[in-house]
Amino acid sequence: MSSEQYLAANLRRAVAEDPRTAELGVRVTVRGDHVMLSGDVACAERRAALEEVLHEAAPELTIFNDVRVTPAGEPEGEEDLR
């Protein structure tokens, strides 16, 4: 395992275990001194918390946050099953 893969695994664990984020579906990729985040979260606060957690875990890295906010609310209307 390369040092970038090892670092990415540690950052994924930090994102999964921190109570501010507790995210398992966010992808973390490390390339040199850059971290790329991608995936979906339910709110803008969670998206911002991801950056905060990663900055605390690896302050020397530049973070690119490409995580999308996709609210997971109650379904609207009835579902038409045919």
N, C-alpha and C. Protein backbone atom coordinates (compact mmCIF):
# COMPACT_ATOMS: atom_id res chain seq x y z
N MET A 1 0.85 -1.18 0.00
CA MET A 1 0.00 0.00 0.00
C MET A 1 0.90 1.24 0.00
N SER A 2 0.60 2.18 -0.88
CA SER A 2 1.40 3.40 -0.97
C SER A 2 1.06 4.33 0.20
N SER A 3 1.91 5.32 0.40
CA SER A 3 1.67 6.28 1.48
C SER A 3 0.38 7.08 1.23
N GLU A 4 0.05 7.36 -0.04
CA GLU A 4 -1.19 8.08 -0.34
C GLU A 4 -2.41 7.22 -0.01
N GLN A 5 -2.34 5.93 -0.31
CA GLN A 5 -3.45 5.03 0.01
C GLN A 5 -3.61 4.89 1.52
N TYR A 6 -2.50 4.81 2.22
CA TYR A 6 -2.53 4.70 3.68
C TYR A 6 -3.14 5.95 4.29
N LEU A 7 -2.74 7.12 3.81
CA LEU A 7 -3.27 8.38 4.31
C LEU A 7 -4.76 8.48 4.00
N ALA A 8 -5.17 8.10 2.79
CA ALA A 8 -6.58 8.15 2.41
C ALA A 8 -7.41 7.24 3.32
N ALA A 9 -6.89 6.07 3.65
CA ALA A 9 -7.60 5.15 4.54
C ALA A 9 -7.75 5.76 5.93
N ASN A 10 -6.70 6.41 6.43
CA ASN A 10 -6.78 7.06 7.74
C ASN A 10 -7.78 8.21 7.73
N LEU A 11 -7.82 8.97 6.64
CA LEU A 11 -8.77 10.09 6.54
C LEU A 11 -10.20 9.58 6.41
N ARG A 12 -10.41 8.48 5.68
CA ARG A 12 -11.75 7.88 5.60
C ARG A 12 -12.21 7.43 6.98
N ARG A 13 -11.30 6.85 7.74
CA ARG A 13 -11.64 6.42 9.09
C ARG A 13 -11.99 7.62 9.97
N ALA A 14 -11.24 8.71 9.84
CA ALA A 14 -11.53 9.92 10.62
C ALA A 14 -12.93 10.45 10.31
N VAL A 15 -13.30 10.46 9.04
CA VAL A 15 -14.61 10.94 8.61
C VAL A 15 -15.71 10.00 9.11
N ALA A 16 -15.45 8.70 9.11
CA ALA A 16 -16.46 7.73 9.55
C ALA A 16 -16.65 7.74 11.06
N GLU A 17 -15.56 7.97 11.81
CA GLU A 17 -15.62 7.85 13.27
C GLU A 17 -15.93 9.15 13.99
N ASP A 18 -15.72 10.30 13.35
CA ASP A 18 -15.98 11.57 14.03
C ASP A 18 -17.49 11.78 14.14
N PRO A 19 -18.00 12.09 15.34
CA PRO A 19 -19.45 12.27 15.52
C PRO A 19 -20.03 13.44 14.72
N ARG A 20 -19.20 14.39 14.30
CA ARG A 20 -19.71 15.50 13.49
C ARG A 20 -20.05 15.07 12.08
N THR A 21 -19.43 14.00 11.62
CA THR A 21 -19.65 13.57 10.25
C THR A 21 -20.26 12.17 10.18
N ALA A 22 -19.61 11.19 10.75
CA ALA A 22 -20.08 9.80 10.73
C ALA A 22 -20.53 9.38 9.34
N GLU A 23 -19.73 9.70 8.35
CA GLU A 23 -20.06 9.42 6.95
C GLU A 23 -19.29 8.21 6.45
N LEU A 24 -20.01 7.26 5.85
CA LEU A 24 -19.36 6.09 5.26
C LEU A 24 -19.35 6.16 3.73
N GLY A 25 -20.23 6.97 3.15
CA GLY A 25 -20.37 7.00 1.70
C GLY A 25 -19.57 8.08 0.99
N VAL A 26 -18.74 8.80 1.72
CA VAL A 26 -17.94 9.86 1.10
C VAL A 26 -16.59 9.29 0.68
N ARG A 27 -16.22 9.54 -0.56
CA ARG A 27 -14.94 9.04 -1.07
C ARG A 27 -13.83 10.05 -0.77
N VAL A 28 -12.71 9.54 -0.32
CA VAL A 28 -11.55 10.36 0.01
C VAL A 28 -10.39 9.86 -0.84
N THR A 29 -9.83 10.75 -1.66
CA THR A 29 -8.71 10.40 -2.52
C THR A 29 -7.57 11.36 -2.25
N VAL A 30 -6.37 10.82 -2.09
CA VAL A 30 -5.19 11.64 -1.84
C VAL A 30 -4.29 11.59 -3.07
N ARG A 31 -3.88 12.76 -3.54
CA ARG A 31 -2.94 12.90 -4.65
C ARG A 31 -1.91 13.95 -4.24
N GLY A 32 -0.73 13.50 -3.88
CA GLY A 32 0.31 14.43 -3.44
C GLY A 32 -0.12 15.13 -2.17
N ASP A 33 -0.20 16.46 -2.24
CA ASP A 33 -0.61 17.22 -1.04
C ASP A 33 -2.05 17.72 -1.15
N HIS A 34 -2.86 17.00 -1.95
CA HIS A 34 -4.27 17.35 -2.13
C HIS A 34 -5.17 16.19 -1.70
N VAL A 35 -6.30 16.54 -1.08
CA VAL A 35 -7.32 15.56 -0.74
C VAL A 35 -8.58 15.93 -1.49
N MET A 36 -9.15 14.97 -2.21
CA MET A 36 -10.40 15.19 -2.93
C MET A 36 -11.51 14.43 -2.24
N LEU A 37 -12.60 15.15 -1.94
CA LEU A 37 -13.79 14.54 -1.35
C LEU A 37 -14.88 14.50 -2.40
N SER A 38 -15.59 13.39 -2.47
CA SER A 38 -16.73 13.30 -3.38
C SER A 38 -17.78 12.39 -2.77
N GLY A 39 -19.00 12.57 -3.22
CA GLY A 39 -20.12 11.79 -2.71
C GLY A 39 -21.29 12.71 -2.40
N ASP A 40 -22.21 12.22 -1.59
CA ASP A 40 -23.42 12.96 -1.25
C ASP A 40 -23.61 12.97 0.26
N VAL A 41 -24.11 14.10 0.76
CA VAL A 41 -24.50 14.23 2.17
C VAL A 41 -25.88 14.88 2.22
N ALA A 42 -26.51 14.83 3.40
CA ALA A 42 -27.89 15.30 3.53
C ALA A 42 -28.02 16.81 3.76
N CYS A 43 -26.94 17.49 4.21
CA CYS A 43 -27.08 18.92 4.49
C CYS A 43 -25.74 19.65 4.33
N ALA A 44 -25.82 20.97 4.18
CA ALA A 44 -24.64 21.80 3.99
C ALA A 44 -23.74 21.78 5.22
N GLU A 45 -24.34 21.66 6.41
CA GLU A 45 -23.54 21.61 7.64
C GLU A 45 -22.64 20.38 7.66
N ARG A 46 -23.17 19.25 7.21
CA ARG A 46 -22.38 18.01 7.16
C ARG A 46 -21.24 18.16 6.15
N ARG A 47 -21.52 18.80 5.03
CA ARG A 47 -20.50 19.02 4.00
C ARG A 47 -19.36 19.86 4.58
N ALA A 48 -19.69 20.92 5.31
CA ALA A 48 -18.67 21.77 5.93
C ALA A 48 -17.92 21.02 7.02
N ALA A 49 -18.61 20.17 7.77
CA ALA A 49 -17.97 19.40 8.84
C ALA A 49 -16.94 18.43 8.28
N LEU A 50 -17.18 17.91 7.08
CA LEU A 50 -16.21 17.02 6.45
C LEU A 50 -14.87 17.73 6.28
N GLU A 51 -14.92 18.95 5.76
CA GLU A 51 -13.68 19.72 5.59
C GLU A 51 -13.01 19.99 6.93
N GLU A 52 -13.80 20.31 7.93
CA GLU A 52 -13.26 20.61 9.25
C GLU A 52 -12.53 19.40 9.83
N VAL A 53 -13.16 18.24 9.74
CA VAL A 53 -12.55 17.00 10.26
C VAL A 53 -11.25 16.69 9.52
N LEU A 54 -11.27 16.81 8.20
CA LEU A 54 -10.06 16.51 7.43
C LEU A 54 -8.95 17.52 7.69
N HIS A 55 -9.33 18.77 7.86
CA HIS A 55 -8.32 19.80 8.15
C HIS A 55 -7.65 19.52 9.50
N GLU A 56 -8.44 19.07 10.47
CA GLU A 56 -7.87 18.73 11.78
C GLU A 56 -6.97 17.50 11.68
N ALA A 57 -7.36 16.53 10.86
CA ALA A 57 -6.59 15.28 10.73
C ALA A 57 -5.33 15.46 9.90
N ALA A 58 -5.37 16.35 8.92
CA ALA A 58 -4.22 16.55 8.02
C ALA A 58 -4.14 18.02 7.62
N PRO A 59 -3.72 18.90 8.54
CA PRO A 59 -3.72 20.34 8.25
C PRO A 59 -2.79 20.77 7.13
N GLU A 60 -1.83 19.94 6.79
CA GLU A 60 -0.87 20.30 5.75
C GLU A 60 -1.40 20.07 4.34
N LEU A 61 -2.55 19.43 4.21
CA LEU A 61 -3.10 19.10 2.89
C LEU A 61 -4.13 20.14 2.44
N THR A 62 -4.22 20.32 1.12
CA THR A 62 -5.24 21.17 0.52
C THR A 62 -6.44 20.31 0.22
N ILE A 63 -7.62 20.75 0.64
CA ILE A 63 -8.84 19.96 0.50
C ILE A 63 -9.70 20.52 -0.63
N PHE A 64 -10.11 19.63 -1.54
CA PHE A 64 -11.05 19.96 -2.60
C PHE A 64 -12.33 19.22 -2.29
N ASN A 65 -13.39 19.95 -1.95
CA ASN A 65 -14.63 19.35 -1.51
C ASN A 65 -15.64 19.37 -2.66
N ASP A 66 -15.84 18.20 -3.27
CA ASP A 66 -16.79 18.07 -4.37
C ASP A 66 -18.03 17.28 -3.91
N VAL A 67 -18.30 17.32 -2.61
CA VAL A 67 -19.44 16.61 -2.04
C VAL A 67 -20.71 17.39 -2.36
N ARG A 68 -21.73 16.68 -2.80
CA ARG A 68 -23.02 17.31 -3.14
C ARG A 68 -23.99 17.17 -1.97
N VAL A 69 -24.82 18.19 -1.79
CA VAL A 69 -25.86 18.15 -0.78
C VAL A 69 -27.14 17.67 -1.45
N THR A 70 -27.64 16.52 -1.01
CA THR A 70 -28.87 15.96 -1.53
C THR A 70 -29.78 15.65 -0.35
N PRO A 71 -30.68 16.59 -0.02
CA PRO A 71 -31.54 16.40 1.15
C PRO A 71 -32.34 15.10 1.06
N ALA A 72 -32.42 14.43 2.18
CA ALA A 72 -33.16 13.16 2.26
C ALA A 72 -34.41 13.37 3.09
N GLY A 73 -35.37 14.06 2.51
CA GLY A 73 -36.60 14.36 3.23
C GLY A 73 -37.67 13.31 2.97
N GLU A 74 -38.85 13.59 3.50
CA GLU A 74 -39.99 12.71 3.29
C GLU A 74 -40.38 12.74 1.82
N PRO A 75 -40.79 11.61 1.28
CA PRO A 75 -41.25 11.61 -0.12
C PRO A 75 -42.51 12.46 -0.26
N GLU A 76 -42.62 13.11 -1.39
CA GLU A 76 -43.78 13.95 -1.65
C GLU A 76 -44.77 13.20 -2.53
N GLY A 77 -46.03 13.24 -2.16
CA GLY A 77 -47.07 12.60 -2.96
C GLY A 77 -47.05 11.08 -2.81
N GLU A 78 -47.83 10.45 -3.66
CA GLU A 78 -47.92 9.00 -3.64
C GLU A 78 -47.05 8.41 -4.73
N GLU A 79 -46.56 7.23 -4.44
CA GLU A 79 -45.78 6.51 -5.45
C GLU A 79 -46.74 5.65 -6.25
N ASP A 80 -46.63 5.72 -7.57
CA ASP A 80 -47.51 4.96 -8.44
C ASP A 80 -46.82 3.68 -8.85
N LEU A 81 -47.25 2.57 -8.25
CA LEU A 81 -46.68 1.26 -8.59
C LEU A 81 -47.56 0.60 -9.63
N ARG A 82 -46.97 0.14 -10.70
CA ARG A 82 -47.76 -0.49 -11.78
C ARG A 82 -47.33 -1.91 -11.98
